[in-house]
Amino acid sequence: MWDRLGHGVQAADLAPGQLVLIDELGRMELASAPFREAVRSLFEADVDVVATVHAHSDPFTDALKQRPDIELIAVTRANRNALPEGLATRLEHR
């Protein structure tokens, strides 16, 4: 699906501070080289990115998780319902 729909999104087209939501960075999505390159460019751009990332080890996502500008929040049954509002509040006050 990404290969057909996602090519129109370019990090250069986004305004600084704009919010990008990615659901999800998983095995199937990461099989697409254009998808990985688009994600890489988003993380290098001056935009806020909120993404769900699989917990499995993968060189691409492991590298993203280790970036100093990344905050990892584990989604659990206990916090999953409160996360959208909490993340929205945090992003509004940046």
N, C-alpha and C. Protein backbone atom coordinates (compact mmCIF):
# COMPACT_ATOMS: atom_id res chain seq x y z
N MET A 1 0.82 -1.18 0.00
CA MET A 1 0.00 0.00 0.00
C MET A 1 0.87 1.25 0.00
N TRP A 2 1.95 1.26 0.83
CA TRP A 2 2.83 2.42 0.89
C TRP A 2 3.38 2.76 -0.48
N ASP A 3 3.81 1.74 -1.22
CA ASP A 3 4.42 2.01 -2.52
C ASP A 3 3.47 2.73 -3.46
N ARG A 4 2.17 2.55 -3.29
CA ARG A 4 1.21 3.25 -4.15
C ARG A 4 0.81 4.60 -3.59
N LEU A 5 0.65 4.71 -2.26
CA LEU A 5 0.07 5.92 -1.68
C LEU A 5 1.08 6.88 -1.06
N GLY A 6 2.17 6.36 -0.55
CA GLY A 6 3.05 7.17 0.27
C GLY A 6 4.08 8.00 -0.44
N HIS A 7 4.31 7.78 -1.70
CA HIS A 7 5.39 8.48 -2.38
C HIS A 7 5.17 9.98 -2.48
N GLY A 8 3.93 10.44 -2.36
CA GLY A 8 3.66 11.86 -2.47
C GLY A 8 4.09 12.65 -1.26
N VAL A 9 4.36 12.01 -0.14
CA VAL A 9 4.74 12.70 1.09
C VAL A 9 6.26 12.86 1.10
N GLN A 10 6.69 14.11 1.17
CA GLN A 10 8.11 14.42 1.21
C GLN A 10 8.38 15.29 2.43
N ALA A 11 9.45 15.00 3.15
CA ALA A 11 9.79 15.80 4.32
C ALA A 11 9.96 17.27 3.96
N ALA A 12 10.48 17.54 2.77
CA ALA A 12 10.69 18.93 2.33
C ALA A 12 9.39 19.69 2.16
N ASP A 13 8.27 18.98 2.00
CA ASP A 13 6.97 19.62 1.82
C ASP A 13 6.33 20.02 3.15
N LEU A 14 6.91 19.60 4.26
CA LEU A 14 6.32 19.84 5.57
C LEU A 14 6.88 21.11 6.19
N ALA A 15 6.01 21.81 6.91
CA ALA A 15 6.44 23.03 7.59
C ALA A 15 7.16 22.68 8.88
N PRO A 16 8.15 23.49 9.27
CA PRO A 16 8.83 23.24 10.54
C PRO A 16 7.83 23.15 11.69
N GLY A 17 8.03 22.16 12.54
CA GLY A 17 7.15 21.98 13.68
C GLY A 17 5.88 21.21 13.40
N GLN A 18 5.66 20.88 12.13
CA GLN A 18 4.45 20.14 11.78
C GLN A 18 4.52 18.74 12.41
N LEU A 19 3.36 18.18 12.71
CA LEU A 19 3.28 16.87 13.33
C LEU A 19 3.05 15.80 12.27
N VAL A 20 3.83 14.72 12.36
CA VAL A 20 3.68 13.58 11.46
C VAL A 20 3.41 12.36 12.34
N LEU A 21 2.33 11.65 12.04
CA LEU A 21 1.98 10.42 12.75
C LEU A 21 2.27 9.25 11.84
N ILE A 22 2.98 8.26 12.38
CA ILE A 22 3.29 7.05 11.61
C ILE A 22 2.77 5.85 12.38
N ASP A 23 1.86 5.14 11.77
CA ASP A 23 1.31 3.93 12.36
C ASP A 23 1.36 2.84 11.31
N GLU A 24 2.32 2.08 11.30
CA GLU A 24 3.33 1.73 12.25
C GLU A 24 4.62 1.43 11.52
N LEU A 25 5.71 1.39 12.25
CA LEU A 25 6.98 0.95 11.69
C LEU A 25 7.14 -0.52 12.06
N GLY A 26 6.61 -1.39 11.23
CA GLY A 26 6.63 -2.82 11.48
C GLY A 26 7.34 -3.55 10.36
N ARG A 27 7.36 -4.85 10.45
CA ARG A 27 8.11 -5.67 9.50
C ARG A 27 7.67 -5.46 8.05
N MET A 28 6.37 -5.45 7.81
CA MET A 28 5.90 -5.31 6.42
C MET A 28 6.25 -3.94 5.86
N GLU A 29 6.07 -2.90 6.65
CA GLU A 29 6.38 -1.55 6.18
C GLU A 29 7.88 -1.39 5.91
N LEU A 30 8.68 -1.98 6.78
CA LEU A 30 10.13 -1.85 6.64
C LEU A 30 10.70 -2.64 5.48
N ALA A 31 9.89 -3.49 4.88
CA ALA A 31 10.34 -4.23 3.70
C ALA A 31 10.42 -3.32 2.48
N SER A 32 9.83 -2.14 2.55
CA SER A 32 9.82 -1.19 1.45
C SER A 32 10.97 -0.20 1.60
N ALA A 33 11.92 -0.24 0.68
CA ALA A 33 13.05 0.70 0.71
C ALA A 33 12.58 2.15 0.59
N PRO A 34 11.60 2.47 -0.27
CA PRO A 34 11.13 3.86 -0.32
C PRO A 34 10.50 4.31 1.00
N PHE A 35 9.81 3.40 1.68
CA PHE A 35 9.22 3.73 2.97
C PHE A 35 10.32 4.04 3.99
N ARG A 36 11.34 3.19 4.07
CA ARG A 36 12.44 3.44 5.00
C ARG A 36 13.12 4.78 4.71
N GLU A 37 13.33 5.09 3.44
CA GLU A 37 13.97 6.35 3.09
C GLU A 37 13.09 7.54 3.48
N ALA A 38 11.78 7.42 3.27
CA ALA A 38 10.87 8.50 3.65
C ALA A 38 10.88 8.70 5.17
N VAL A 39 10.88 7.61 5.91
CA VAL A 39 10.92 7.70 7.37
C VAL A 39 12.24 8.33 7.81
N ARG A 40 13.33 7.91 7.22
CA ARG A 40 14.64 8.48 7.56
C ARG A 40 14.63 9.99 7.33
N SER A 41 14.08 10.43 6.21
CA SER A 41 14.06 11.87 5.92
C SER A 41 13.15 12.62 6.89
N LEU A 42 12.06 11.99 7.34
CA LEU A 42 11.20 12.64 8.32
C LEU A 42 11.92 12.86 9.64
N PHE A 43 12.69 11.86 10.06
CA PHE A 43 13.41 11.98 11.32
C PHE A 43 14.55 12.98 11.23
N GLU A 44 14.99 13.32 10.05
CA GLU A 44 16.03 14.33 9.86
C GLU A 44 15.43 15.72 9.68
N ALA A 45 14.14 15.80 9.41
CA ALA A 45 13.47 17.08 9.15
C ALA A 45 13.13 17.78 10.47
N ASP A 46 12.78 19.04 10.36
CA ASP A 46 12.39 19.84 11.52
C ASP A 46 10.89 19.69 11.76
N VAL A 47 10.45 18.45 11.99
CA VAL A 47 9.04 18.15 12.27
C VAL A 47 8.97 17.26 13.50
N ASP A 48 7.81 17.24 14.14
CA ASP A 48 7.58 16.35 15.26
C ASP A 48 7.03 15.04 14.70
N VAL A 49 7.58 13.92 15.15
CA VAL A 49 7.14 12.61 14.68
C VAL A 49 6.67 11.80 15.88
N VAL A 50 5.46 11.28 15.76
CA VAL A 50 4.94 10.32 16.72
C VAL A 50 4.71 9.05 15.93
N ALA A 51 5.36 7.97 16.36
CA ALA A 51 5.29 6.73 15.59
C ALA A 51 5.13 5.54 16.52
N THR A 52 4.39 4.57 16.05
CA THR A 52 4.38 3.28 16.73
C THR A 52 5.43 2.42 16.05
N VAL A 53 6.25 1.78 16.85
CA VAL A 53 7.37 0.99 16.34
C VAL A 53 7.30 -0.39 16.96
N HIS A 54 7.47 -1.39 16.12
CA HIS A 54 7.44 -2.75 16.66
C HIS A 54 8.54 -2.95 17.69
N ALA A 55 8.31 -3.90 18.59
CA ALA A 55 9.28 -4.17 19.66
C ALA A 55 10.39 -5.09 19.20
N HIS A 56 10.24 -5.73 18.06
CA HIS A 56 11.24 -6.66 17.56
C HIS A 56 12.53 -5.91 17.19
N SER A 57 13.63 -6.61 17.29
CA SER A 57 14.90 -6.01 16.89
C SER A 57 14.99 -5.96 15.37
N ASP A 58 15.39 -4.80 14.87
CA ASP A 58 15.56 -4.57 13.44
C ASP A 58 16.61 -3.47 13.31
N PRO A 59 17.58 -3.63 12.44
CA PRO A 59 18.64 -2.60 12.34
C PRO A 59 18.10 -1.19 12.10
N PHE A 60 17.08 -1.06 11.28
CA PHE A 60 16.54 0.27 10.96
C PHE A 60 15.87 0.89 12.19
N THR A 61 14.93 0.17 12.79
CA THR A 61 14.22 0.74 13.94
C THR A 61 15.11 0.80 15.18
N ASP A 62 16.04 -0.13 15.31
CA ASP A 62 16.98 -0.05 16.44
C ASP A 62 17.79 1.24 16.37
N ALA A 63 18.21 1.62 15.17
CA ALA A 63 18.97 2.86 15.00
C ALA A 63 18.11 4.08 15.34
N LEU A 64 16.83 4.07 14.94
CA LEU A 64 15.94 5.17 15.28
C LEU A 64 15.78 5.26 16.80
N LYS A 65 15.58 4.13 17.44
CA LYS A 65 15.36 4.11 18.89
C LYS A 65 16.56 4.61 19.67
N GLN A 66 17.74 4.54 19.09
CA GLN A 66 18.96 4.95 19.79
C GLN A 66 19.32 6.41 19.56
N ARG A 67 18.58 7.10 18.71
CA ARG A 67 18.86 8.52 18.46
C ARG A 67 18.69 9.32 19.75
N PRO A 68 19.56 10.31 19.99
CA PRO A 68 19.45 11.09 21.23
C PRO A 68 18.20 11.99 21.28
N ASP A 69 17.60 12.26 20.12
CA ASP A 69 16.41 13.12 20.10
C ASP A 69 15.10 12.32 20.13
N ILE A 70 15.19 11.05 20.46
CA ILE A 70 14.02 10.17 20.50
C ILE A 70 13.66 9.85 21.94
N GLU A 71 12.39 9.91 22.23
CA GLU A 71 11.89 9.45 23.52
C GLU A 71 11.02 8.23 23.26
N LEU A 72 11.37 7.12 23.86
CA LEU A 72 10.59 5.90 23.72
C LEU A 72 9.58 5.80 24.85
N ILE A 73 8.36 5.49 24.49
CA ILE A 73 7.31 5.26 25.48
C ILE A 73 6.70 3.91 25.15
N ALA A 74 6.83 2.98 26.05
CA ALA A 74 6.25 1.65 25.84
C ALA A 74 4.74 1.74 26.00
N VAL A 75 4.03 1.18 25.05
CA VAL A 75 2.57 1.15 25.12
C VAL A 75 2.18 -0.14 25.85
N THR A 76 1.44 0.04 26.93
CA THR A 76 1.00 -1.09 27.72
C THR A 76 -0.52 -1.02 27.88
N ARG A 77 -1.09 -2.08 28.38
CA ARG A 77 -2.53 -2.06 28.67
C ARG A 77 -2.86 -0.95 29.67
N ALA A 78 -1.95 -0.72 30.59
CA ALA A 78 -2.19 0.27 31.64
C ALA A 78 -2.16 1.71 31.12
N ASN A 79 -1.37 2.00 30.07
CA ASN A 79 -1.24 3.40 29.62
C ASN A 79 -1.83 3.68 28.24
N ARG A 80 -2.24 2.66 27.52
CA ARG A 80 -2.62 2.88 26.12
C ARG A 80 -3.81 3.81 25.92
N ASN A 81 -4.76 3.83 26.83
CA ASN A 81 -5.92 4.70 26.66
C ASN A 81 -5.61 6.16 26.96
N ALA A 82 -4.64 6.39 27.84
CA ALA A 82 -4.29 7.76 28.21
C ALA A 82 -3.23 8.37 27.29
N LEU A 83 -2.54 7.56 26.52
CA LEU A 83 -1.43 8.07 25.70
C LEU A 83 -1.84 9.13 24.69
N PRO A 84 -2.93 8.99 23.93
CA PRO A 84 -3.25 10.03 22.93
C PRO A 84 -3.40 11.41 23.56
N GLU A 85 -4.14 11.51 24.63
CA GLU A 85 -4.33 12.82 25.27
C GLU A 85 -3.04 13.33 25.88
N GLY A 86 -2.29 12.44 26.51
CA GLY A 86 -1.02 12.85 27.11
C GLY A 86 -0.02 13.33 26.07
N LEU A 87 0.07 12.63 24.95
CA LEU A 87 0.99 13.04 23.89
C LEU A 87 0.54 14.37 23.27
N ALA A 88 -0.77 14.52 23.07
CA ALA A 88 -1.29 15.77 22.51
C ALA A 88 -0.96 16.95 23.41
N THR A 89 -1.13 16.78 24.70
CA THR A 89 -0.82 17.85 25.66
C THR A 89 0.66 18.19 25.61
N ARG A 90 1.51 17.20 25.59
CA ARG A 90 2.96 17.44 25.54
C ARG A 90 3.36 18.17 24.26
N LEU A 91 2.77 17.78 23.14
CA LEU A 91 3.13 18.42 21.87
C LEU A 91 2.60 19.85 21.79
N GLU A 92 1.46 20.13 22.41
CA GLU A 92 0.92 21.49 22.41
C GLU A 92 1.81 22.46 23.18
N HIS A 93 2.50 21.95 24.18
CA HIS A 93 3.30 22.79 25.07
C HIS A 93 4.78 22.78 24.72
N ARG A 94 5.11 22.41 23.52
CA ARG A 94 6.51 22.42 23.08
C ARG A 94 6.89 23.79 22.61
